């Protein structure tokens, strides 16, 4: 049975393990260095050989020569200068301290002169252990520190009048210490470097590589290949996440397959709907056409006011039904894959001028001024008749939703990204709410508050949207709210000749 390990636990174990290895390694190196140093100290303090031992005798001999008579021995300043020169001589690096001990007035031996001023007046140590003797000279080994104390009598003209006390360091030579320090530093840096590499390797193996594998697989899944599996078998959070992601991809694939089935069914239904609407439109259009031609004449000849009004209502409804049938057939035709457009290079300003001219009477009757601000240089690729239909529907839509006091419609165009022209149709009409903006291009949509006041089939803007999309453009609308007008935007393909 496999055990689950969290990523945080893995990282903790990695750091603890490698830190322990480094600490043990450095402790081992330090132990070896300390052992080697103790061996050297032991050798120096028990065999009385080497530089330190010889140096101590050289110092003693030098002192005895310098202080060979009573006058010099009693000259405190002279002795102080002599012993300071000896201690601070760069060749005497092992000499730590020199004391001249004399009996005081009470006959007690005390430190009379010393290179360490704080030692003056104190009683010298009474050594009783680790003492070796050679003639009149005593050698005392310190138990806790690597130092050697040499005590020998001051003998002038056969009289012992005090003692020399020399304290010498028994540490290995300075060069040896520096080499050991360098060795420790090199080992420490090497250990840290190995630690970093080991941590990086373990992190990459246990965390980074699974994350990279997860990322690459997720990109493939994101492109639609839902059969891809994320192959992470680790028993941690990444493994659980990969398992959950694979389950999600499986569910998405099943949902996508169902949606595709539903879309196929919907496409078939839409095709049948369009066929039905087309057939129904033709069936309704044929008997309706004579009625539309007959009713206006009956209205004109009728003299009875009540009958005349009823005939006028019948005529208006018949015309509305004709428009509805026409727009429905047009919408079904635009949805067909087989519909073909006669794409041409058109001067946009000229085409808009023609539409405005065709709508002069409608605009004048509703007190609306149409302004064409499009530049003469803008050329677009479009079907001439369909482009005229787009502008006609947008203008008539603006007229319908402008109150009786009148207003204005401004048409403009400018260069847009990706070699497209963005066209705007701005009106001063009643404006729209956010909910109306979201539904304005839906088929048969009419805002409830305007349905009884304004005559509309609810298909004009849906037709405009399909035509613009057939032109490979997009259409949208903006409005600051009710009473603040609307702006319809749509894009058309631009031609290279545009300046």
Protein backbone atom coordinates (compact mmCIF):
# COMPACT_ATOMS: atom_id res chain seq x y z
CA UNK A 1 0.00 0.00 0.00
CA UNK A 2 1.42 3.39 -1.00
CA UNK A 3 1.60 6.18 1.57
CA UNK A 4 0.55 9.72 0.72
CA UNK A 5 3.20 12.40 1.29
CA UNK A 6 2.29 16.06 1.07
CA UNK A 7 4.56 18.46 -0.81
CA UNK A 8 5.25 20.42 2.37
CA UNK A 9 6.33 17.21 4.14
CA UNK A 10 8.61 16.32 1.22
CA UNK A 11 10.26 19.74 1.32
CA UNK A 12 10.71 19.49 5.10
CA UNK A 13 12.31 16.04 4.87
CA UNK A 14 14.65 17.20 2.09
CA UNK A 15 15.85 20.24 4.05
CA UNK A 16 16.25 18.30 7.33
CA UNK A 17 18.12 15.44 5.66
CA UNK A 18 20.57 17.60 3.75
CA UNK A 19 21.10 19.99 6.68
CA UNK A 20 21.95 17.00 8.89
CA UNK A 21 24.48 15.78 6.33
CA UNK A 22 26.15 19.19 6.17
CA UNK A 23 26.28 19.58 9.96
CA UNK A 24 27.77 16.11 10.42
CA UNK A 25 30.32 16.75 7.68
CA UNK A 26 31.47 20.03 9.21
CA UNK A 27 31.56 18.48 12.69
CA UNK A 28 33.77 15.68 11.38
CA UNK A 29 36.16 18.15 9.75
CA UNK A 30 36.31 20.25 12.92
CA UNK A 31 36.95 17.16 15.05
CA UNK A 32 39.87 16.13 12.86
CA UNK A 33 41.36 19.63 13.00
CA UNK A 34 41.02 19.77 16.80
CA UNK A 35 42.59 16.31 17.15
CA UNK A 36 45.49 17.33 14.96
CA UNK A 37 46.01 20.53 16.98
CA UNK A 38 45.91 18.65 20.30
CA UNK A 39 48.47 16.19 18.96
CA UNK A 40 50.77 19.08 18.07
CA UNK A 41 50.29 20.70 21.49
CA UNK A 42 50.96 17.42 23.24
CA UNK A 43 54.09 16.92 21.19
CA UNK A 44 55.33 20.45 21.99
CA UNK A 45 54.60 20.28 25.73
CA UNK A 46 55.84 16.77 26.50
CA UNK A 47 58.87 16.36 24.28
CA UNK A 48 60.22 19.86 24.87
CA UNK A 49 61.25 20.08 21.26
CA UNK A 50 60.67 22.33 18.29
CA UNK A 51 60.61 26.05 17.83
CA UNK A 52 58.83 26.98 21.07
CA UNK A 53 61.17 25.07 23.36
CA UNK A 54 64.32 26.41 21.67
CA UNK A 55 62.86 29.90 21.65
CA UNK A 56 62.22 29.83 25.40
CA UNK A 57 65.87 29.01 26.13
CA UNK A 58 67.01 31.72 23.70
CA UNK A 59 64.83 34.23 25.56
CA UNK A 60 66.19 33.11 28.94
CA UNK A 61 69.76 33.32 27.73
CA UNK A 62 69.12 36.78 26.33
CA UNK A 63 67.62 37.97 29.65
CA UNK A 64 70.50 36.56 31.67
CA UNK A 65 72.99 38.33 29.42
CA UNK A 66 71.15 41.64 29.54
CA UNK A 67 70.62 41.52 33.32
CA UNK A 68 74.04 40.20 34.34
CA UNK A 69 74.63 42.71 37.14
CA UNK A 70 72.64 44.25 39.98
CA UNK A 71 72.49 47.72 38.49
CA UNK A 72 70.67 46.61 35.34
CA UNK A 73 68.46 44.19 37.28
CA UNK A 74 67.33 46.96 39.58
CA UNK A 75 66.65 49.39 36.72
CA UNK A 76 62.88 48.92 36.30
CA UNK A 77 62.59 51.02 33.15
CA UNK A 78 65.50 49.22 31.53
CA UNK A 79 64.05 45.77 32.31
CA UNK A 80 60.58 46.79 31.11
CA UNK A 81 62.03 47.96 27.82
CA UNK A 82 64.03 44.72 27.42
CA UNK A 83 61.10 42.36 28.03
CA UNK A 84 58.72 44.42 25.85
CA UNK A 85 61.20 44.29 23.01
CA UNK A 86 61.39 40.53 23.36
CA UNK A 87 57.59 39.99 23.43
CA UNK A 88 56.80 42.34 20.56
CA UNK A 89 59.62 41.09 18.36
CA UNK A 90 57.99 39.71 15.19
CA UNK A 91 60.27 36.68 15.45
CA UNK A 92 58.92 35.85 18.91
CA UNK A 93 55.26 35.32 17.99
CA UNK A 94 54.88 32.45 20.48
CA UNK A 95 55.95 34.60 23.52
CA UNK A 96 52.74 35.70 25.19
CA UNK A 97 54.03 37.26 28.42
CA UNK A 98 57.23 37.76 30.47
CA UNK A 99 57.20 38.36 34.24
CA UNK A 100 60.11 39.33 36.54
CA UNK A 101 59.23 38.10 40.04
CA UNK A 102 60.91 39.46 43.19
CA UNK A 103 60.28 39.16 46.92
CA UNK A 104 58.52 42.18 48.44
CA UNK A 105 59.29 43.83 51.78
CA UNK A 106 57.54 41.00 53.57
CA UNK A 107 59.59 38.40 51.73
CA UNK A 108 56.68 37.20 49.48
CA UNK A 109 57.48 36.53 45.81
CA UNK A 110 55.29 38.82 43.65
CA UNK A 111 55.28 39.94 40.02
CA UNK A 112 57.53 42.97 40.00
CA UNK A 113 57.77 43.73 36.29
CA UNK A 114 55.54 42.32 33.49
CA UNK A 115 54.58 42.89 29.90
CA UNK A 116 51.03 42.61 31.24
CA UNK A 117 50.57 45.66 33.53
CA UNK A 118 47.59 44.09 35.31
CA UNK A 119 49.81 41.24 36.53
CA UNK A 120 52.21 43.56 38.42
CA UNK A 121 51.88 43.12 42.18
CA UNK A 122 50.09 39.77 41.96
CA UNK A 123 51.42 36.53 43.36
CA UNK A 124 52.63 34.10 40.69
CA UNK A 125 50.75 30.83 40.24
CA UNK A 126 51.86 28.06 42.54
CA UNK A 127 52.08 25.17 40.15
CA UNK A 128 51.57 21.75 41.62
CA UNK A 129 50.57 19.62 38.61
CA UNK A 130 51.85 19.06 35.05
CA UNK A 131 55.28 20.31 36.19
CA UNK A 132 58.52 19.09 34.67
CA UNK A 133 61.98 20.06 35.82
CA UNK A 134 65.26 20.29 34.02
CA UNK A 135 68.04 21.57 36.26
CA UNK A 136 66.76 24.73 37.95
CA UNK A 137 64.11 25.36 35.27
CA UNK A 138 60.48 24.33 35.69
CA UNK A 139 58.10 23.67 32.77
CA UNK A 140 54.38 23.88 33.55
CA UNK A 141 51.68 22.69 31.11
CA UNK A 142 48.27 24.41 31.32
CA UNK A 143 45.46 21.84 31.45
CA UNK A 144 42.83 23.97 29.75
CA UNK A 145 44.80 26.17 27.36
CA UNK A 146 47.57 25.38 24.83
CA UNK A 147 50.24 27.36 26.73
CA UNK A 148 53.52 26.49 28.47
CA UNK A 149 54.93 28.39 31.45
CA UNK A 150 58.70 28.33 32.05
CA UNK A 151 60.00 29.39 35.46
CA UNK A 152 63.73 29.73 36.18
CA UNK A 153 65.67 31.53 38.96
CA UNK A 154 67.39 34.89 38.52
CA UNK A 155 70.99 34.21 39.51
CA UNK A 156 73.36 37.15 39.74
CA UNK A 157 76.83 36.59 41.10
CA UNK A 158 75.70 33.35 42.71
CA UNK A 159 72.71 34.93 44.47
CA UNK A 160 69.09 33.88 43.62
CA UNK A 161 67.17 37.15 43.88
CA UNK A 162 63.97 36.32 41.93
CA UNK A 163 62.56 34.31 39.03
CA UNK A 164 61.96 34.71 35.35
CA UNK A 165 58.46 33.57 34.25
CA UNK A 166 57.90 33.15 30.52
CA UNK A 167 54.46 32.18 29.08
CA UNK A 168 54.66 30.67 25.59
CA UNK A 169 51.82 29.73 23.19
CA UNK A 170 51.85 26.09 22.17
CA UNK A 171 49.41 26.57 19.25
CA UNK A 172 50.58 25.33 15.85
CA UNK A 173 52.32 27.98 13.70
CA UNK A 174 50.15 30.77 12.28
CA UNK A 175 50.60 29.48 8.75
CA UNK A 176 49.16 26.12 9.82
CA UNK A 177 46.12 27.82 11.40
CA UNK A 178 45.46 29.86 8.25
CA UNK A 179 45.66 26.75 6.12
CA UNK A 180 43.19 25.00 8.41
CA UNK A 181 40.82 27.96 8.29
CA UNK A 182 41.03 28.02 4.50
CA UNK A 183 40.37 24.31 4.44
CA UNK A 184 37.30 24.74 6.65
CA UNK A 185 35.98 27.59 4.45
CA UNK A 186 36.51 25.55 1.28
CA UNK A 187 34.78 22.53 2.79
CA UNK A 188 31.90 24.70 4.02
CA UNK A 189 31.38 26.33 0.61
CA UNK A 190 31.65 22.99 -1.16
CA UNK A 191 29.13 21.47 1.25
CA UNK A 192 26.71 24.35 0.78
CA UNK A 193 27.11 24.11 -3.00
CA UNK A 194 26.40 20.37 -2.87
CA UNK A 195 23.45 21.06 -0.59
CA UNK A 196 21.99 23.61 -3.02
CA UNK A 197 22.44 21.29 -6.01
CA UNK A 198 20.89 18.40 -4.10
CA UNK A 199 17.91 20.50 -3.05
CA UNK A 200 17.43 21.76 -6.61
CA UNK A 201 17.62 18.22 -7.97
CA UNK A 202 15.13 16.87 -5.45
CA UNK A 203 12.80 19.84 -5.93
CA UNK A 204 12.93 19.45 -9.71
CA UNK A 205 12.29 15.73 -9.52
CA UNK A 206 9.48 15.81 -6.97
CA UNK A 207 7.80 19.18 -7.71
CA UNK A 208 9.03 21.09 -10.77
CA UNK A 209 8.92 18.23 -13.30
CA UNK A 210 5.36 17.19 -12.31
CA UNK A 211 4.25 20.84 -12.55
CA UNK A 212 5.82 21.17 -16.03
CA UNK A 213 4.12 17.94 -17.11
CA UNK A 214 0.84 19.24 -15.67
CA UNK A 215 1.25 22.57 -17.53
CA UNK A 216 1.98 20.96 -20.90
CA UNK A 217 -0.91 18.53 -20.59
CA UNK A 218 -3.26 21.30 -19.48
CA UNK A 219 -2.34 23.34 -22.59
CA UNK A 220 -3.19 20.39 -24.83
CA UNK A 221 -6.49 19.88 -23.01
CA UNK A 222 -7.18 23.61 -23.28
CA UNK A 223 -6.90 23.35 -27.07
CA UNK A 224 -9.74 20.83 -27.10
CA UNK A 225 -7.97 17.46 -26.90
CA UNK A 226 -9.96 16.15 -23.97
CA UNK A 227 -8.59 12.62 -24.41
CA UNK A 228 -5.20 13.74 -23.05
CA UNK A 229 -4.39 12.45 -19.57
CA UNK A 230 -2.07 14.12 -17.07
CA UNK A 231 0.37 11.36 -16.16
CA UNK A 232 1.35 12.26 -12.59
CA UNK A 233 1.34 9.25 -10.27
CA UNK A 234 2.79 10.89 -7.14
CA UNK A 235 0.86 10.38 -3.91
CA UNK A 236 0.70 14.04 -2.98
CA UNK A 237 -1.34 17.16 -3.74
CA UNK A 238 -0.09 17.27 -7.35
CA UNK A 239 -1.16 13.68 -7.90
CA UNK A 240 -4.58 14.42 -6.45
CA UNK A 241 -4.88 17.55 -8.59
CA UNK A 242 -3.91 15.60 -11.73
CA UNK A 243 -6.52 12.96 -10.92
CA UNK A 244 -9.19 15.63 -10.41
CA UNK A 245 -8.14 17.36 -13.65
CA UNK A 246 -8.37 14.09 -15.59
CA UNK A 247 -11.85 13.49 -14.19
CA UNK A 248 -12.84 17.04 -15.16
CA UNK A 249 -11.53 16.50 -18.73
CA UNK A 250 -13.52 13.26 -18.94
CA UNK A 251 -16.71 15.02 -17.79
CA UNK A 252 -16.08 17.88 -20.23
CA UNK A 253 -15.65 15.43 -23.10
CA UNK A 254 -18.93 13.74 -22.24
CA UNK A 255 -20.65 17.12 -21.99
CA UNK A 256 -19.12 18.29 -25.26
CA UNK A 257 -20.29 15.14 -27.03
CA UNK A 258 -23.79 15.70 -25.72
CA UNK A 259 -23.70 19.37 -26.77
CA UNK A 260 -22.55 18.38 -30.26
CA UNK A 261 -25.45 15.95 -30.48
CA UNK A 262 -27.85 18.65 -29.30
CA UNK A 263 -26.33 21.13 -31.79
CA UNK A 264 -26.82 18.68 -34.64
CA UNK A 265 -30.41 18.20 -33.59
CA UNK A 266 -30.86 21.97 -33.29
CA UNK A 267 -29.29 22.58 -36.70
CA UNK A 268 -31.69 20.10 -38.23
CA UNK A 269 -34.60 21.77 -36.48
CA UNK A 270 -33.45 25.21 -37.65
CA UNK A 271 -33.10 23.96 -41.21
CA UNK A 272 -36.58 22.50 -41.05
CA UNK A 273 -37.84 25.71 -39.46
CA UNK A 274 -36.38 27.77 -42.31
CA UNK A 275 -37.87 25.40 -44.86
CA UNK A 276 -41.21 25.62 -43.11
CA UNK A 277 -41.07 29.44 -42.87
CA UNK A 278 -40.08 29.69 -46.51
CA UNK A 279 -42.92 27.47 -47.64
CA UNK A 280 -45.40 29.15 -45.29
CA UNK A 281 -44.29 32.59 -46.46
CA UNK A 282 -44.88 31.72 -50.07
CA UNK A 283 -48.24 30.17 -49.23
CA UNK A 284 -49.30 33.31 -47.34
CA UNK A 285 -47.84 35.76 -49.79
CA UNK A 286 -49.81 34.57 -52.81
CA UNK A 287 -53.38 35.08 -51.41
CA UNK A 288 -52.30 38.18 -49.48
CA UNK A 289 -50.99 40.10 -52.50
CA UNK A 290 -54.43 40.65 -54.20
CA UNK A 291 -55.87 41.71 -50.84
CA UNK A 292 -53.14 44.34 -50.39
CA UNK A 293 -53.84 45.70 -53.90
CA UNK A 294 -57.62 45.75 -53.41
CA UNK A 295 -58.03 47.25 -49.94
CA UNK A 296 -56.55 50.75 -50.67
CA UNK A 297 -59.06 51.19 -53.53
CA UNK A 298 -61.97 50.15 -51.31
CA UNK A 299 -60.84 52.58 -48.62
CA UNK A 300 -60.73 55.42 -51.14
CA UNK A 301 -64.25 54.69 -52.56
CA UNK A 302 -66.01 54.08 -49.23
CA UNK A 303 -68.08 57.04 -48.02
CA UNK A 304 -69.35 55.64 -44.72
CA UNK A 305 -66.86 56.83 -42.06
CA UNK A 306 -67.16 53.73 -39.88
CA UNK A 307 -66.72 51.30 -42.74
CA UNK A 308 -63.89 53.43 -44.13
CA UNK A 309 -62.06 53.23 -40.79
CA UNK A 310 -62.51 49.44 -40.64
CA UNK A 311 -61.22 49.04 -44.19
CA UNK A 312 -58.20 51.23 -43.35
CA UNK A 313 -57.39 49.02 -40.34
CA UNK A 314 -57.66 45.94 -42.55
CA UNK A 315 -55.35 47.53 -45.12
CA UNK A 316 -52.76 48.50 -42.49
CA UNK A 317 -52.78 45.00 -40.98
CA UNK A 318 -52.44 43.41 -44.41
CA UNK A 319 -49.41 45.59 -45.17
CA UNK A 320 -47.89 44.76 -41.77
CA UNK A 321 -48.41 41.06 -42.47
CA UNK A 322 -46.76 41.50 -45.88
CA UNK A 323 -43.75 43.17 -44.25
CA UNK A 324 -43.55 40.43 -41.64
CA UNK A 325 -43.63 37.70 -44.30
CA UNK A 326 -41.01 39.53 -46.35
CA UNK A 327 -38.65 39.96 -43.37
CA UNK A 328 -39.15 36.36 -42.26
CA UNK A 329 -38.31 35.05 -45.72
CA UNK A 330 -35.31 37.40 -45.88
CA UNK A 331 -34.02 36.18 -42.50
CA UNK A 332 -34.40 32.52 -43.49
CA UNK A 333 -32.60 33.20 -46.77
CA UNK A 334 -29.65 34.91 -44.99
CA UNK A 335 -29.24 31.92 -42.69
CA UNK A 336 -28.80 29.57 -45.62
CA UNK A 337 -25.27 28.39 -46.43
CA UNK A 338 -26.00 28.68 -50.14
CA UNK A 339 -26.81 32.40 -50.19
CA UNK A 340 -24.31 34.30 -52.33
CA UNK A 341 -23.28 37.96 -52.14
CA UNK A 342 -21.97 40.02 -55.02
CA UNK A 343 -18.94 41.53 -53.24
CA UNK A 344 -17.61 44.76 -54.77
CA UNK A 345 -15.31 47.66 -53.91
CA UNK A 346 -17.71 50.43 -52.92
CA UNK A 347 -17.27 54.08 -51.98
CA UNK A 348 -18.94 54.12 -48.58
CA UNK A 349 -19.89 57.82 -48.59
CA UNK A 350 -21.60 57.56 -51.98
CA UNK A 351 -23.59 54.48 -50.97
CA UNK A 352 -24.81 56.16 -47.77
CA UNK A 353 -25.81 59.30 -49.70
CA UNK A 354 -28.00 57.16 -51.96
CA UNK A 355 -29.76 55.60 -48.96
CA UNK A 356 -30.37 59.01 -47.37
CA UNK A 357 -31.83 60.28 -50.64
CA UNK A 358 -34.16 57.28 -50.81
CA UNK A 359 -35.42 58.02 -47.29
CA UNK A 360 -35.88 61.80 -47.74
CA UNK A 361 -39.64 61.74 -47.41
CA UNK A 362 -39.57 59.55 -44.27
CA UNK A 363 -36.95 61.78 -42.67
CA UNK A 364 -38.77 65.01 -43.60
CA UNK A 365 -42.15 63.78 -42.33
CA UNK A 366 -40.58 62.88 -38.97
CA UNK A 367 -38.54 66.12 -38.68
CA UNK A 368 -35.23 64.25 -38.64
CA UNK A 369 -32.00 65.49 -40.22
CA UNK A 370 -29.56 62.89 -41.56
CA UNK A 371 -25.88 63.90 -41.75
CA UNK A 372 -23.26 61.89 -43.65
CA UNK A 373 -19.74 62.59 -42.25
CA UNK A 374 -17.97 59.70 -43.98
CA UNK A 375 -14.76 60.62 -45.82
CA UNK A 376 -14.69 60.43 -49.62
CA UNK A 377 -11.61 58.19 -49.47
CA UNK A 378 -13.11 55.22 -47.61
CA UNK A 379 -13.58 52.15 -49.80
CA UNK A 380 -15.17 48.96 -48.45
CA UNK A 381 -15.79 45.48 -49.79
CA UNK A 382 -19.51 44.63 -49.67
CA UNK A 383 -22.60 43.60 -51.60
CA UNK A 384 -24.15 46.82 -52.89
CA UNK A 385 -27.80 45.88 -52.36
CA UNK A 386 -27.19 44.29 -48.97
CA UNK A 387 -25.15 47.28 -47.77
CA UNK A 388 -28.01 49.56 -48.78
CA UNK A 389 -30.38 47.28 -46.84
CA UNK A 390 -28.21 47.59 -43.71
CA UNK A 391 -28.23 51.41 -43.74
CA UNK A 392 -31.93 51.54 -44.66
CA UNK A 393 -32.91 49.32 -41.73
CA UNK A 394 -30.72 51.29 -39.29
CA UNK A 395 -32.11 54.65 -40.46
CA UNK A 396 -35.76 53.50 -40.38
CA UNK A 397 -35.12 51.95 -36.94
CA UNK A 398 -33.79 55.29 -35.67
CA UNK A 399 -36.81 57.09 -37.15
CA UNK A 400 -39.22 54.68 -35.43
CA UNK A 401 -37.66 55.31 -32.03
CA UNK A 402 -37.37 59.10 -32.25
CA UNK A 403 -40.26 61.08 -30.77
CA UNK A 404 -42.47 63.48 -32.73
CA UNK A 405 -40.38 66.54 -31.87
CA UNK A 406 -37.75 65.34 -34.32
CA UNK A 407 -34.00 64.84 -34.01
CA UNK A 408 -30.94 63.90 -36.01
CA UNK A 409 -29.07 60.89 -37.38
CA UNK A 410 -25.29 61.13 -37.88
CA UNK A 411 -23.40 58.54 -39.93
CA UNK A 412 -19.59 58.36 -39.73
CA UNK A 413 -16.75 55.89 -40.36
CA UNK A 414 -13.08 55.49 -39.37
CA UNK A 415 -10.17 53.10 -39.71
CA UNK A 416 -10.31 50.19 -37.31
CA UNK A 417 -7.77 47.51 -36.42
CA UNK A 418 -6.94 44.60 -38.77
CA UNK A 419 -7.81 46.52 -41.96
CA UNK A 420 -11.44 47.05 -41.03
CA UNK A 421 -13.66 50.13 -41.20
CA UNK A 422 -15.81 50.94 -38.16
CA UNK A 423 -19.12 52.58 -39.11
CA UNK A 424 -21.30 54.43 -36.60
CA UNK A 425 -24.97 55.41 -36.89
CA UNK A 426 -25.81 57.83 -34.05
CA UNK A 427 -29.37 59.01 -33.32
CA UNK A 428 -31.03 61.31 -30.79
CA UNK A 429 -33.88 58.91 -30.14
CA UNK A 430 -35.35 57.43 -26.98
CA UNK A 431 -32.23 55.43 -26.09
CA UNK A 432 -32.07 51.96 -24.53
CA UNK A 433 -31.65 50.21 -21.19
CA UNK A 434 -28.93 47.60 -20.60
CA UNK A 435 -31.48 44.81 -20.89
CA UNK A 436 -32.68 46.15 -24.25
CA UNK A 437 -29.07 46.43 -25.51
CA UNK A 438 -28.52 42.74 -24.71
CA UNK A 439 -31.62 41.67 -26.67
CA UNK A 440 -31.89 44.24 -29.46
CA UNK A 441 -30.53 41.90 -32.19
CA UNK A 442 -32.70 38.92 -31.18
CA UNK A 443 -35.28 37.77 -33.70
CA UNK A 444 -38.82 39.11 -33.14
CA UNK A 445 -37.63 41.18 -30.17
CA UNK A 446 -39.52 44.37 -29.43
CA UNK A 447 -39.31 46.26 -26.14
CA UNK A 448 -42.69 45.96 -24.42
CA UNK A 449 -42.98 49.67 -23.66
CA UNK A 450 -42.74 50.50 -27.38
CA UNK A 451 -44.61 47.56 -28.96
CA UNK A 452 -47.98 49.28 -29.00
CA UNK A 453 -46.63 52.73 -29.82
CA UNK A 454 -44.34 51.84 -32.70
CA UNK A 455 -45.02 49.53 -35.62
CA UNK A 456 -42.26 46.96 -36.06
CA UNK A 457 -41.82 43.32 -37.08
CA UNK A 458 -38.90 42.85 -34.69
CA UNK A 459 -36.75 41.41 -37.50
CA UNK A 460 -35.04 44.44 -39.03
CA UNK A 461 -32.00 44.49 -36.72
CA UNK A 462 -31.73 40.69 -36.80
CA UNK A 463 -31.48 40.94 -40.60
CA UNK A 464 -28.85 43.69 -40.30
CA UNK A 465 -26.80 41.50 -37.94
CA UNK A 466 -26.84 38.54 -40.36
CA UNK A 467 -25.85 40.70 -43.31
CA UNK A 468 -22.93 42.26 -41.40
CA UNK A 469 -21.76 38.80 -40.29
CA UNK A 470 -21.95 37.62 -43.91
CA UNK A 471 -19.63 40.56 -44.66
CA UNK A 472 -17.30 39.03 -41.99
CA UNK A 473 -17.89 42.00 -39.70
CA UNK A 474 -19.41 42.52 -36.27
CA UNK A 475 -22.20 44.78 -35.00
CA UNK A 476 -23.02 46.17 -31.57
CA UNK A 477 -24.93 49.03 -29.96
CA UNK A 478 -24.24 51.52 -27.18
CA UNK A 479 -26.56 53.82 -25.26
CA UNK A 480 -26.19 55.98 -22.16
CA UNK A 481 -29.75 55.12 -21.15
CA UNK A 482 -33.36 56.07 -21.88
CA UNK A 483 -33.76 59.50 -23.48
CA UNK A 484 -30.05 59.75 -24.43
CA UNK A 485 -30.05 58.27 -27.93
CA UNK A 486 -28.25 55.23 -29.32
CA UNK A 487 -25.16 54.49 -31.42
CA UNK A 488 -25.05 51.44 -33.68
CA UNK A 489 -21.54 50.31 -34.65
CA UNK A 490 -20.57 47.73 -37.24
CA UNK A 491 -17.40 46.84 -39.14
CA UNK A 492 -16.75 46.28 -42.84
CA UNK A 493 -13.67 45.06 -44.70
CA UNK A 494 -11.36 47.87 -45.76
CA UNK A 495 -9.57 48.03 -49.12
CA UNK A 496 -5.89 48.90 -49.56
CA UNK A 497 -6.71 51.98 -51.64
CA UNK A 498 -8.09 53.76 -48.56
CA UNK A 499 -6.07 56.85 -47.62
